[in-house]
Each structure stands twice: as structure tokens, then as C-alpha cells.
């Protein structure tokens, strides 16, 4: 069975909205788009290049798909991402029927959770989720994430959509890798471990 893997840029206070630029996502009046701008370094680039070198297919929420589809087919300066993104299969999760213009795109709608489970059972490379905040809530709620790459940036960002929102379930995650960039970004990898157990410290 192939895995669903998320990779998410997130602020210290949990915001994941519009990390890449001011025009990326202004929903809710968000005015801090592009908050990752000053923190990219060689280590982060190397990690992302490594991700892009793996076999993968994309699993995207509709809003993230629209952002990517408007940019990557015409990108000329970032072949390390543009080439694999444009070439690979893209599954787009949406609650309604939408027209998909990006090559190799397929709509996932209707009983989304059942169809995502079917996708995991198919032969093929792992399914990678970039951005896609609403989709991540669905994945968290239904225990469909097999690995999470969290890129935690050392900043707080008022307002904005948060990574762990209404779909979050009580559970524990195992830290399997962690690196820190020269700019203080912590890139950590987690896999599901088990149920959340509570108690009183010291007893």
C-alpha cells in the first residue's frame, strides 16, 4: 500500500496560509502572504530537491491545485520542481465537479474518504500533499496520513488558516527525523504512533 505524505510550511503559531507570496491566498483578509521569504537556505533547498527526486504523485486540495496550475506549467526558472510537478499524476480533491486544466490531472469527488482509501491501495508511487489545508483536515480526521514533514518557521503570523484545525484527532506521533536550517527553520518528520494517553506528571 502506498503512503500519503504531507509536507507543510507552518509558523510557530500554526499558520500555514500563503507561505509563498502576497498574492497566494488572501482568503479571510490575510495580509501576511509570503512569510517564508527571508528564511530559505541551502539545507532547505537540498531537502526539497531530495523530495522532488523521489517517485511521487500529487494529492491536492482544489485551492492549492488552482494556485499550482496557474504557476507551474509556465515556470521556467525552477526545473527541479516544475518538471516533476508537471510530469506526474495529480489527484484533485473537491466537493464539486470542476474543470481541470493542468496535464495529468484527475478529479476526486463524491465519497472522498472512500476514494482516498482506494487510491492508497493502488499500485504506484506515494501520494504527496503540498499545502491543501482543507484536505489535510480530512486526512487527519480519518487517519489517512502516513508521514508528515513539518517545516516550522521561527515566527508568529497573526490570523490565517492553521494546520491543526477541526480535523485533528487525539493521537501520538513518532519523530523519525529532524534537521535545523541556518535560519532557524526546524524540518521534522513524523509518523503515526498510537492513541493519546493522558495522566498526571509525577504520579
Protein backbone atom coordinates (compact mmCIF):
# COMPACT_ATOMS: atom_id res chain seq x y z
CA UNK A 1 0.00 0.00 0.00
CA UNK A 2 1.37 3.40 -0.90
CA UNK A 3 1.61 6.22 1.61
CA UNK A 4 0.02 9.65 1.87
CA UNK A 5 2.77 12.10 2.82
CA UNK A 6 2.24 15.74 3.71
CA UNK A 7 4.87 18.48 3.62
CA UNK A 8 3.78 21.76 5.18
CA UNK A 9 5.33 25.15 5.86
CA UNK A 10 3.96 26.36 9.20
CA UNK A 11 4.64 29.26 11.57
CA UNK A 12 5.30 28.73 15.28
CA UNK A 13 1.65 29.55 15.99
CA UNK A 14 0.42 27.03 13.43
CA UNK A 15 -0.41 29.21 10.42
CA UNK A 16 0.08 27.57 7.02
CA UNK A 17 -1.72 30.09 4.78
CA UNK A 18 0.10 31.68 1.84
CA UNK A 19 3.73 30.98 2.77
CA UNK A 20 4.98 31.59 -0.75
CA UNK A 21 3.81 35.07 -1.69
CA UNK A 22 1.48 38.02 -1.03
CA UNK A 23 -0.99 37.02 -3.76
CA UNK A 24 -1.05 33.30 -2.99
CA UNK A 25 -4.12 33.21 -0.72
CA UNK A 26 -5.83 36.33 0.63
CA UNK A 27 -8.86 34.48 1.99
CA UNK A 28 -10.21 35.95 5.21
CA UNK A 29 -8.33 39.19 4.61
CA UNK A 30 -4.99 37.52 5.31
CA UNK A 31 -2.26 40.12 4.79
CA UNK A 32 0.98 38.33 5.59
CA UNK A 33 1.37 36.21 2.46
CA UNK A 34 4.99 35.34 1.68
CA UNK A 35 6.06 35.00 5.30
CA UNK A 36 8.71 32.34 4.48
CA UNK A 37 10.57 34.74 2.16
CA UNK A 38 13.58 35.60 4.34
CA UNK A 39 14.26 32.13 5.74
CA UNK A 40 15.16 29.88 2.81
CA UNK A 41 18.70 28.41 2.84
CA UNK A 42 20.78 25.72 1.13
CA UNK A 43 19.78 22.94 3.54
CA UNK A 44 16.10 23.57 2.87
CA UNK A 45 16.75 23.64 -0.86
CA UNK A 46 18.65 20.36 -0.67
CA UNK A 47 15.83 18.71 1.28
CA UNK A 48 13.22 19.88 -1.21
CA UNK A 49 15.39 18.75 -4.13
CA UNK A 50 15.63 15.33 -2.48
CA UNK A 51 11.84 15.18 -2.18
CA UNK A 52 11.45 16.10 -5.84
CA UNK A 53 13.87 13.35 -6.85
CA UNK A 54 11.66 10.63 -5.36
CA UNK A 55 8.90 8.94 -7.37
CA UNK A 56 5.64 10.61 -6.35
CA UNK A 57 2.16 11.59 -7.41
CA UNK A 58 0.40 14.71 -6.14
CA UNK A 59 -2.71 14.75 -3.98
CA UNK A 60 -4.03 18.30 -3.75
CA UNK A 61 -6.97 20.26 -2.47
CA UNK A 62 -8.74 22.30 -5.13
CA UNK A 63 -7.49 25.72 -3.97
CA UNK A 64 -3.86 24.60 -3.87
CA UNK A 65 -4.36 22.91 -7.23
CA UNK A 66 -5.61 26.18 -8.73
CA UNK A 67 -2.55 28.04 -7.38
CA UNK A 68 -0.14 25.39 -8.69
CA UNK A 69 -1.92 25.05 -12.05
CA UNK A 70 -1.64 28.80 -12.61
CA UNK A 71 2.10 28.80 -11.94
CA UNK A 72 3.99 25.56 -12.58
CA UNK A 73 3.02 24.81 -16.22
CA UNK A 74 4.69 28.10 -17.25
CA UNK A 75 7.55 28.14 -14.73
CA UNK A 76 10.94 28.47 -16.42
CA UNK A 77 13.34 29.11 -13.54
CA UNK A 78 12.68 26.18 -11.19
CA UNK A 79 13.08 22.98 -13.19
CA UNK A 80 13.81 20.92 -10.07
CA UNK A 81 10.16 21.38 -9.07
CA UNK A 82 8.45 22.37 -12.32
CA UNK A 83 9.49 19.31 -14.31
CA UNK A 84 8.38 16.63 -11.80
CA UNK A 85 5.21 18.58 -10.87
CA UNK A 86 4.16 18.97 -14.49
CA UNK A 87 5.01 15.39 -15.41
CA UNK A 88 3.43 13.47 -12.55
CA UNK A 89 -0.18 12.41 -11.98
CA UNK A 90 -2.23 14.89 -9.97
CA UNK A 91 -5.31 13.90 -7.95
CA UNK A 92 -7.51 16.87 -7.04
CA UNK A 93 -9.95 16.59 -4.13
CA UNK A 94 -13.06 18.73 -4.48
CA UNK A 95 -16.61 18.66 -3.12
CA UNK A 96 -17.93 19.70 -6.52
CA UNK A 97 -17.24 19.00 -10.16
CA UNK A 98 -14.55 21.32 -11.50
CA UNK A 99 -12.67 21.62 -14.77
CA UNK A 100 -9.01 20.60 -14.50
CA UNK A 101 -6.66 22.25 -16.98
CA UNK A 102 -3.26 21.01 -15.78
CA UNK A 103 -1.99 17.97 -17.65
CA UNK A 104 -2.33 14.53 -16.00
CA UNK A 105 -4.98 15.72 -13.52
CA UNK A 106 -7.85 13.62 -12.19
CA UNK A 107 -10.76 14.75 -10.02
CA UNK A 108 -11.55 13.02 -6.71
CA UNK A 109 -15.09 13.89 -5.58
CA UNK A 110 -18.19 12.26 -4.10
CA UNK A 111 -17.28 9.88 -1.27
CA UNK A 112 -13.83 11.41 -0.93
CA UNK A 113 -12.65 9.35 2.05
CA UNK A 114 -13.51 6.04 0.38
CA UNK A 115 -11.82 7.13 -2.82
CA UNK A 116 -8.70 8.23 -0.96
CA UNK A 117 -8.51 4.82 0.67
CA UNK A 118 -8.83 3.24 -2.78
CA UNK A 119 -6.03 5.45 -4.08
CA UNK A 120 -3.76 4.25 -1.29
CA UNK A 121 -4.41 0.64 -2.31
CA UNK A 122 -3.46 1.24 -5.95
CA UNK A 123 -0.04 0.37 -7.27
CA UNK A 124 2.05 3.46 -7.76
CA UNK A 125 4.33 5.94 -6.04
CA UNK A 126 3.45 7.62 -2.76
CA UNK A 127 0.90 10.44 -2.77
CA UNK A 128 2.39 13.77 -1.67
CA UNK A 129 0.30 16.63 -0.31
CA UNK A 130 1.65 20.19 -0.52
CA UNK A 131 -0.34 22.99 1.11
CA UNK A 132 -4.00 21.94 0.83
CA UNK A 133 -5.14 22.95 4.32
CA UNK A 134 -8.76 21.80 3.96
CA UNK A 135 -7.68 18.45 2.52
CA UNK A 136 -5.25 17.92 5.41
CA UNK A 137 -8.15 18.32 7.87
CA UNK A 138 -9.97 15.49 6.09
CA UNK A 139 -6.84 13.34 6.11
CA UNK A 140 -6.22 13.98 9.83
CA UNK A 141 -9.82 13.30 10.76
CA UNK A 142 -9.80 9.94 9.01
CA UNK A 143 -6.32 8.72 9.91
CA UNK A 144 -5.07 8.79 6.32
CA UNK A 145 -1.68 10.48 6.81
CA UNK A 146 1.28 8.09 6.94
CA UNK A 147 4.05 10.68 7.24
CA UNK A 148 4.19 14.41 7.97
CA UNK A 149 7.07 16.70 7.08
CA UNK A 150 6.65 19.89 9.14
CA UNK A 151 8.76 22.94 8.29
CA UNK A 152 8.36 25.13 11.38
CA UNK A 153 9.46 28.72 10.75
CA UNK A 154 10.61 30.83 13.73
CA UNK A 155 7.89 33.46 13.55
CA UNK A 156 4.33 34.14 14.62
CA UNK A 157 1.79 35.14 11.97
CA UNK A 158 -1.47 36.75 13.13
CA UNK A 159 -4.66 35.28 11.69
CA UNK A 160 -4.60 32.85 8.82
CA UNK A 161 -5.52 29.22 8.28
CA UNK A 162 -3.96 26.78 10.70
CA UNK A 163 -2.56 23.33 10.08
CA UNK A 164 -4.15 21.58 13.04
CA UNK A 165 -7.76 22.69 12.95
CA UNK A 166 -11.12 20.96 13.01
CA UNK A 167 -9.88 17.65 11.60
CA UNK A 168 -7.27 16.96 14.27
CA UNK A 169 -7.74 13.79 16.29
CA UNK A 170 -6.10 12.86 19.64
CA UNK A 171 -3.09 10.66 18.85
CA UNK A 172 0.66 10.47 19.26
CA UNK A 173 3.23 10.84 16.50
CA UNK A 174 6.75 9.39 16.35
CA UNK A 175 9.59 11.75 15.42
CA UNK A 176 11.68 9.92 12.80
CA UNK A 177 13.92 12.75 11.56
CA UNK A 178 14.73 16.37 12.38
CA UNK A 179 17.04 18.99 10.89
CA UNK A 180 17.51 22.71 11.53
CA UNK A 181 18.36 25.27 8.86
CA UNK A 182 20.84 28.09 9.31
CA UNK A 183 17.83 30.43 9.57
CA UNK A 184 16.21 28.50 12.41
CA UNK A 185 13.63 26.54 10.43
CA UNK A 186 13.06 23.12 12.01
CA UNK A 187 12.23 20.42 9.45
CA UNK A 188 10.80 17.43 11.30
CA UNK A 189 9.32 14.19 10.05
CA UNK A 190 6.60 12.38 11.98
CA UNK A 191 4.74 9.10 11.57
CA UNK A 192 1.59 7.97 13.43
CA UNK A 193 2.40 6.06 16.60
CA UNK A 194 -0.75 5.41 18.64
CA UNK A 195 -3.53 6.73 20.82
CA UNK A 196 -3.07 9.78 23.01
CA UNK A 197 -2.65 8.71 26.64
CA UNK A 198 -3.21 11.26 29.40
CA UNK A 199 -2.25 11.26 33.07
CA UNK A 200 -0.71 13.33 35.84
CA UNK A 201 3.03 14.03 35.78
CA UNK A 202 4.77 12.77 38.92
CA UNK A 203 2.26 10.10 39.89
